[in-house]
Amino acid sequence: MTSKLCCYSLAMPGYDRSDLVEQLIMSITSMRQHNKNVAIVVFVYGSLPERLGHAFSGLNVRIWQLCSYPTRLQRLCPRGAFALAEYPLLHKFLNFAEISSLNPSQVLLLDCDTYFLNDVDYLFQKFAKPDLVAREEVGSSRSYHGYDKDMIDEEQLAAIGCKLGAKPAPPFNLGIVLLNNGLWHKLAGLSSLHVNYAWRFMLWMAENPSNPSTNYGVEGLGVDLIRSNQASLTPDDYSLRLPYPSANRWILDEMSLWMTLGHLTGIRYKNFPRNIVLQNGEFNDEMENTNWIACHYFSQNFQTISNWLTQKQSALN
């Protein structure tokens, strides 16, 4: 039995993402600086980047190679896999069967762009009672930044859930997610539902182009493939489409997971305090604070946090 388990997931696209690999290495290295014993597993879809094998030497990291990302999607959603494979984020929450086989007591799911300043064990100990603990999503009604209906239309999300007999999870960010009380066992049986929600939202996106007048007016990845393959889609396919309750099409994985969790009853949710788990630009306000545990800094801030680490190291020398 693995007591406390930290999980990363990596699916390399067909183009260079060495930045993603470097983020993962930095994340695990920072964790190991403060905790030498917690179990770490990296799920890798497809080929293993050579850099990882060398970088993880001596860090006690298990690498679990899986089939390719498109192959996993094909098994879960045969009709939509051709388009879903263009969207690179769904794999992060498709590893629950493998996680269940390790029989952990707690599971911490982590994005590659996460940095640790203190011992990860604090999160396991302090937040062991709720079923799921994460930061509230930026732009949600629980965000201290304020509610942004373009980012997440929570009324529409709830209405979709009501129509389908589900109560969607309160919108939370997927960068750092702690699971307790065996929730991963329940989610292991819902991977197909999760992926099919993404497919249903994408079908709607294909008929409703992104609005460039919003702050999030970028088209969803894979949507153009649906449009160019309309002849191969059937009325039954299009009957599945669901209105996507956000102008931000990048958070498709989050929207699909919130809906999936809505089919489970009695789930207890809690927010990580923002002085303990930072996200995005909050890092800029907490550079002098040495008490936070982890920061999901979002990939666009990679250079900022790298510069900060360089300055920090120089001050120690």
Protein backbone atom coordinates (compact mmCIF):
# COMPACT_ATOMS: atom_id res chain seq x y z
CA MET A 1 0.00 0.00 0.00
CA THR A 2 1.24 3.49 -0.88
CA SER A 3 0.27 5.89 1.87
CA LYS A 4 0.48 9.35 0.29
CA LEU A 5 0.88 9.60 -3.46
CA CYS A 6 1.83 12.59 -5.63
CA CYS A 7 0.83 12.16 -9.28
CA TYR A 8 1.88 13.94 -12.46
CA SER A 9 0.70 13.17 -15.99
CA LEU A 10 2.57 13.90 -19.20
CA ALA A 11 1.45 13.48 -22.81
CA MET A 12 3.99 14.74 -25.30
CA PRO A 13 2.54 16.22 -28.50
CA GLY A 14 4.13 15.81 -31.91
CA TYR A 15 6.07 19.06 -31.53
CA ASP A 16 8.71 20.29 -29.13
CA ARG A 17 7.53 20.81 -25.54
CA SER A 18 10.87 20.77 -23.80
CA ASP A 19 9.52 23.61 -21.66
CA LEU A 20 6.93 21.22 -20.23
CA VAL A 21 9.61 18.67 -19.40
CA GLU A 22 11.71 21.33 -17.66
CA GLN A 23 8.70 22.45 -15.62
CA LEU A 24 8.10 18.87 -14.49
CA ILE A 25 11.74 18.42 -13.49
CA MET A 26 11.72 21.70 -11.56
CA SER A 27 8.49 20.73 -9.79
CA ILE A 28 9.69 17.32 -8.62
CA THR A 29 13.14 18.63 -7.69
CA SER A 30 11.56 21.33 -5.53
CA MET A 31 9.32 18.76 -3.85
CA ARG A 32 12.25 16.50 -3.08
CA GLN A 33 14.20 19.38 -1.52
CA HIS A 34 11.65 19.38 1.30
CA ASN A 35 10.45 15.76 1.35
CA LYS A 36 12.61 12.78 0.43
CA ASN A 37 10.07 10.02 1.07
CA VAL A 38 6.62 10.82 -0.31
CA ALA A 39 5.74 8.55 -3.23
CA ILE A 40 5.82 10.20 -6.67
CA VAL A 41 4.55 8.69 -9.90
CA VAL A 42 4.67 10.28 -13.35
CA PHE A 43 2.22 8.84 -15.86
CA VAL A 44 3.65 9.21 -19.36
CA TYR A 45 1.48 8.72 -22.44
CA GLY A 46 3.49 7.47 -25.38
CA SER A 47 7.25 7.84 -25.68
CA LEU A 48 9.34 8.85 -22.69
CA PRO A 49 11.42 12.02 -23.12
CA GLU A 50 15.07 10.97 -22.71
CA ARG A 51 15.73 13.96 -20.48
CA LEU A 52 13.43 12.60 -17.75
CA GLY A 53 15.31 9.38 -17.17
CA HIS A 54 18.50 11.27 -16.40
CA ALA A 55 16.85 14.07 -14.42
CA PHE A 56 14.98 11.73 -12.07
CA SER A 57 18.00 9.61 -11.20
CA GLY A 58 18.26 9.47 -7.41
CA LEU A 59 14.94 11.28 -6.84
CA ASN A 60 12.91 8.13 -6.18
CA VAL A 61 10.34 8.78 -8.91
CA ARG A 62 8.29 6.04 -10.54
CA ILE A 63 7.65 6.51 -14.25
CA TRP A 64 4.56 4.65 -15.47
CA GLN A 65 4.42 4.49 -19.25
CA LEU A 66 1.00 4.13 -20.81
CA CYS A 67 -0.37 3.85 -24.33
CA SER A 68 -0.43 6.96 -26.48
CA TYR A 69 -2.87 9.73 -25.59
CA PRO A 70 -4.90 9.26 -28.83
CA THR A 71 -5.14 5.51 -28.13
CA ARG A 72 -6.55 6.10 -24.64
CA LEU A 73 -9.09 8.56 -26.06
CA GLN A 74 -10.05 6.09 -28.79
CA ARG A 75 -10.92 3.50 -26.16
CA LEU A 76 -13.01 5.95 -24.15
CA CYS A 77 -14.74 7.90 -26.92
CA PRO A 78 -14.33 6.26 -30.36
CA ARG A 79 -16.46 8.80 -32.23
CA GLY A 80 -14.71 11.86 -30.87
CA ALA A 81 -11.11 10.76 -30.36
CA PHE A 82 -9.89 12.27 -33.66
CA ALA A 83 -10.75 15.78 -32.41
CA LEU A 84 -10.22 15.29 -28.68
CA ALA A 85 -6.61 14.23 -29.28
CA GLU A 86 -5.86 17.80 -30.42
CA TYR A 87 -6.78 19.07 -26.96
CA PRO A 88 -3.78 18.20 -24.75
CA LEU A 89 -5.15 18.27 -21.20
CA LEU A 90 -7.70 15.48 -20.70
CA HIS A 91 -5.10 12.84 -19.82
CA LYS A 92 -4.45 14.38 -16.40
CA PHE A 93 -7.66 12.90 -15.00
CA LEU A 94 -7.69 9.58 -16.85
CA ASN A 95 -5.22 7.75 -14.59
CA PHE A 96 -7.50 6.73 -11.74
CA ALA A 97 -7.53 3.01 -12.54
CA GLU A 98 -3.74 2.96 -12.32
CA ILE A 99 -3.81 5.07 -9.15
CA SER A 100 -6.38 2.72 -7.58
CA SER A 101 -4.12 -0.25 -8.23
CA LEU A 102 -1.49 1.38 -5.99
CA ASN A 103 -4.02 1.55 -3.14
CA PRO A 104 -2.95 4.92 -1.70
CA SER A 105 -4.51 6.55 1.35
CA GLN A 106 -4.39 10.05 -0.19
CA VAL A 107 -3.66 11.34 -3.69
CA LEU A 108 -2.29 14.72 -4.75
CA LEU A 109 -2.71 15.47 -8.46
CA LEU A 110 -0.25 18.04 -9.78
CA ASP A 111 0.32 19.97 -12.98
CA CYS A 112 3.87 20.20 -14.25
CA ASP A 113 3.90 23.96 -13.62
CA THR A 114 3.89 23.60 -9.84
CA TYR A 115 6.66 24.69 -7.51
CA PHE A 116 7.14 23.70 -3.83
CA LEU A 117 8.61 26.05 -1.25
CA ASN A 118 7.89 23.82 1.76
CA ASP A 119 7.05 20.22 2.65
CA VAL A 120 4.17 18.77 0.61
CA ASP A 121 3.25 16.60 3.60
CA TYR A 122 1.59 19.66 5.16
CA LEU A 123 -1.16 19.48 2.53
CA PHE A 124 -1.77 15.79 3.21
CA GLN A 125 -1.98 16.29 6.97
CA LYS A 126 -3.86 19.59 7.12
CA PHE A 127 -6.55 18.75 4.55
CA ALA A 128 -7.19 15.03 5.10
CA LYS A 129 -10.93 15.13 5.83
CA PRO A 130 -12.71 16.59 2.74
CA ASP A 131 -13.06 14.37 -0.33
CA LEU A 132 -11.56 16.95 -2.70
CA VAL A 133 -9.45 20.02 -1.91
CA ALA A 134 -8.33 22.52 -4.56
CA ARG A 135 -8.14 26.23 -5.25
CA GLU A 136 -11.28 27.89 -6.51
CA GLU A 137 -11.09 28.62 -10.23
CA VAL A 138 -10.19 32.17 -11.15
CA GLY A 139 -13.33 33.93 -12.34
CA SER A 140 -15.70 31.67 -10.42
CA SER A 141 -18.18 33.13 -7.95
CA ARG A 142 -15.90 31.99 -5.09
CA SER A 143 -12.84 33.77 -6.45
CA TYR A 144 -11.61 36.78 -4.49
CA HIS A 145 -10.82 38.36 -7.88
CA GLY A 146 -14.57 38.54 -8.52
CA TYR A 147 -17.06 36.66 -10.65
CA ASP A 148 -16.46 36.64 -14.40
CA LYS A 149 -19.48 35.18 -16.17
CA ASP A 150 -17.58 35.00 -19.45
CA MET A 151 -15.03 32.75 -17.77
CA ILE A 152 -17.64 30.50 -16.13
CA ASP A 153 -21.39 30.89 -16.44
CA GLU A 154 -22.25 29.02 -13.26
CA GLU A 155 -26.01 29.38 -13.76
CA GLN A 156 -25.78 27.76 -17.17
CA LEU A 157 -23.47 25.07 -15.82
CA ALA A 158 -25.97 24.25 -13.07
CA ALA A 159 -28.84 24.21 -15.60
CA ILE A 160 -26.97 21.71 -17.80
CA GLY A 161 -26.34 19.55 -14.77
CA CYS A 162 -29.99 19.71 -13.71
CA LYS A 163 -31.10 18.59 -17.16
CA LEU A 164 -28.74 15.60 -16.99
CA GLY A 165 -29.43 14.66 -13.39
CA ALA A 166 -26.08 15.92 -12.10
CA LYS A 167 -24.96 18.58 -9.64
CA PRO A 168 -21.68 19.95 -11.04
CA ALA A 169 -18.79 20.43 -8.65
CA PRO A 170 -18.09 24.00 -7.52
CA PRO A 171 -15.62 25.29 -10.13
CA PHE A 172 -12.08 24.55 -8.98
CA ASN A 173 -8.68 24.76 -10.64
CA LEU A 174 -7.06 21.46 -11.66
CA GLY A 175 -3.45 22.50 -11.04
CA ILE A 176 -3.21 21.14 -7.48
CA VAL A 177 -5.97 18.76 -6.38
CA LEU A 178 -5.96 16.65 -3.21
CA LEU A 179 -8.22 13.58 -3.12
CA ASN A 180 -9.17 11.77 0.08
CA ASN A 181 -11.46 8.97 1.24
CA GLY A 182 -10.94 6.79 -1.83
CA LEU A 183 -12.53 9.24 -4.28
CA TRP A 184 -10.12 7.98 -6.98
CA HIS A 185 -11.84 4.57 -6.88
CA LYS A 186 -15.15 6.18 -7.83
CA LEU A 187 -13.56 8.33 -10.52
CA ALA A 188 -11.82 5.31 -12.07
CA GLY A 189 -15.17 4.14 -13.41
CA LEU A 190 -16.10 7.54 -14.84
CA SER A 191 -13.26 8.17 -17.31
CA SER A 192 -15.49 7.52 -20.30
CA LEU A 193 -18.11 9.91 -18.94
CA HIS A 194 -15.44 12.58 -18.44
CA VAL A 195 -14.12 12.28 -22.01
CA ASN A 196 -17.59 12.13 -23.51
CA TYR A 197 -18.55 15.36 -21.78
CA ALA A 198 -15.57 16.98 -23.50
CA TRP A 199 -16.74 15.56 -26.83
CA ARG A 200 -20.28 16.84 -26.30
CA PHE A 201 -19.05 20.34 -25.50
CA MET A 202 -16.76 20.30 -28.55
CA LEU A 203 -19.65 19.35 -30.83
CA TRP A 204 -21.46 22.48 -29.65
CA MET A 205 -18.32 24.60 -30.14
CA ALA A 206 -18.10 23.40 -33.74
CA GLU A 207 -21.48 25.00 -34.45
CA ASN A 208 -20.81 28.08 -32.32
CA PRO A 209 -17.50 29.79 -33.18
CA SER A 210 -15.61 31.51 -30.41
CA ASN A 211 -16.48 35.16 -29.89
CA PRO A 212 -13.36 37.27 -30.54
CA SER A 213 -14.87 40.22 -28.64
CA THR A 214 -14.39 38.48 -25.28
CA ASN A 215 -11.14 38.23 -23.33
CA TYR A 216 -11.08 34.52 -24.13
CA GLY A 217 -11.88 34.63 -27.84
CA VAL A 218 -9.60 31.78 -28.95
CA GLU A 219 -11.10 28.76 -30.69
CA GLY A 220 -11.00 25.41 -28.95
CA LEU A 221 -8.29 23.00 -30.06
CA GLY A 222 -9.70 20.24 -32.25
CA VAL A 223 -12.87 22.13 -33.08
CA ASP A 224 -11.72 22.87 -36.62
CA LEU A 225 -11.29 19.12 -37.17
CA ILE A 226 -14.93 18.55 -36.31
CA ARG A 227 -15.96 21.22 -38.81
CA SER A 228 -13.78 19.74 -41.54
CA ASN A 229 -15.14 16.24 -40.88
CA GLN A 230 -18.84 17.09 -40.76
CA ALA A 231 -19.61 14.59 -43.50
CA SER A 232 -18.49 11.73 -41.28
CA LEU A 233 -20.64 12.80 -38.34
CA THR A 234 -24.19 11.58 -37.94
CA PRO A 235 -27.36 13.18 -36.54
CA ASP A 236 -26.83 10.97 -33.49
CA ASP A 237 -23.44 12.60 -32.97
CA TYR A 238 -24.87 16.10 -33.09
CA SER A 239 -27.76 15.16 -30.84
CA LEU A 240 -25.19 14.80 -28.06
CA ARG A 241 -23.96 18.39 -28.16
CA LEU A 242 -24.11 20.43 -24.96
CA PRO A 243 -23.86 24.22 -24.66
CA TYR A 244 -20.43 25.13 -23.36
CA PRO A 245 -20.88 27.57 -20.45
CA SER A 246 -17.71 29.59 -20.90
CA ALA A 247 -16.01 31.87 -23.40
CA ASN A 248 -12.71 30.26 -22.35
CA ARG A 249 -12.36 27.10 -24.41
CA TRP A 250 -9.03 26.17 -22.86
CA ILE A 251 -10.74 25.00 -19.64
CA LEU A 252 -12.64 22.22 -21.42
CA ASP A 253 -11.01 19.61 -19.17
CA GLU A 254 -12.18 21.45 -16.06
CA MET A 255 -15.72 21.90 -17.30
CA SER A 256 -15.92 18.20 -18.19
CA LEU A 257 -14.56 17.12 -14.82
CA TRP A 258 -16.93 19.37 -12.86
CA MET A 259 -19.82 17.79 -14.76
CA THR A 260 -18.49 14.27 -14.17
CA LEU A 261 -18.16 14.84 -10.43
CA GLY A 262 -21.76 16.00 -10.48
CA HIS A 263 -22.84 12.39 -10.93
CA LEU A 264 -21.39 11.46 -7.53
CA THR A 265 -23.37 12.24 -4.40
CA GLY A 266 -22.16 13.39 -1.02
CA ILE A 267 -18.79 14.72 -2.19
CA ARG A 268 -17.30 17.18 0.30
CA TYR A 269 -15.27 20.01 -1.24
CA LYS A 270 -12.89 22.48 0.36
CA ASN A 271 -10.70 25.30 -0.94
CA PHE A 272 -6.99 25.47 -0.27
CA PRO A 273 -6.27 28.83 1.41
CA ARG A 274 -4.57 31.18 -1.00
CA ASN A 275 -1.69 31.86 1.38
CA ILE A 276 -0.91 28.12 1.42
CA VAL A 277 -1.46 27.18 -2.24
CA LEU A 278 -0.82 29.99 -4.71
CA GLN A 279 -1.96 30.18 -8.30
CA ASN A 280 -1.09 32.30 -11.29
CA GLY A 281 -0.11 35.91 -10.54
CA GLU A 282 -0.53 35.52 -6.77
CA PHE A 283 3.10 34.45 -6.77
CA ASN A 284 4.16 38.01 -7.55
CA ASP A 285 2.56 39.20 -4.29
CA GLU A 286 4.05 36.43 -2.17
CA MET A 287 7.73 36.47 -3.15
CA GLU A 288 8.76 37.58 0.35
CA ASN A 289 6.41 35.15 2.09
CA THR A 290 8.26 31.93 2.92
CA ASN A 291 5.31 30.06 4.44
CA TRP A 292 3.38 28.91 1.38
CA ILE A 293 3.63 25.26 0.41
CA ALA A 294 3.07 25.16 -3.34
CA CYS A 295 2.44 27.46 -6.26
CA HIS A 296 0.65 26.51 -9.46
CA TYR A 297 2.22 29.37 -11.34
CA PHE A 298 0.63 28.74 -14.78
CA SER A 299 3.02 28.13 -17.65
CA GLN A 300 3.09 31.73 -18.82
CA ASN A 301 4.82 32.67 -15.55
CA PHE A 302 7.62 30.11 -15.92
CA GLN A 303 10.28 32.73 -16.66
CA THR A 304 9.18 34.87 -13.71
CA ILE A 305 9.51 32.08 -11.19
CA SER A 306 12.77 30.88 -12.78
CA ASN A 307 14.26 34.36 -12.37
CA TRP A 308 13.09 34.46 -8.76
CA LEU A 309 14.76 31.13 -8.04
CA THR A 310 18.00 32.32 -9.62
CA GLN A 311 17.97 35.45 -7.46
CA LYS A 312 17.15 33.38 -4.37
CA GLN A 313 20.06 31.02 -5.03
CA SER A 314 22.45 33.92 -5.65
CA ALA A 315 21.50 35.42 -2.29
CA LEU A 316 22.47 32.16 -0.57
CA ASN A 317 25.90 32.00 -2.22
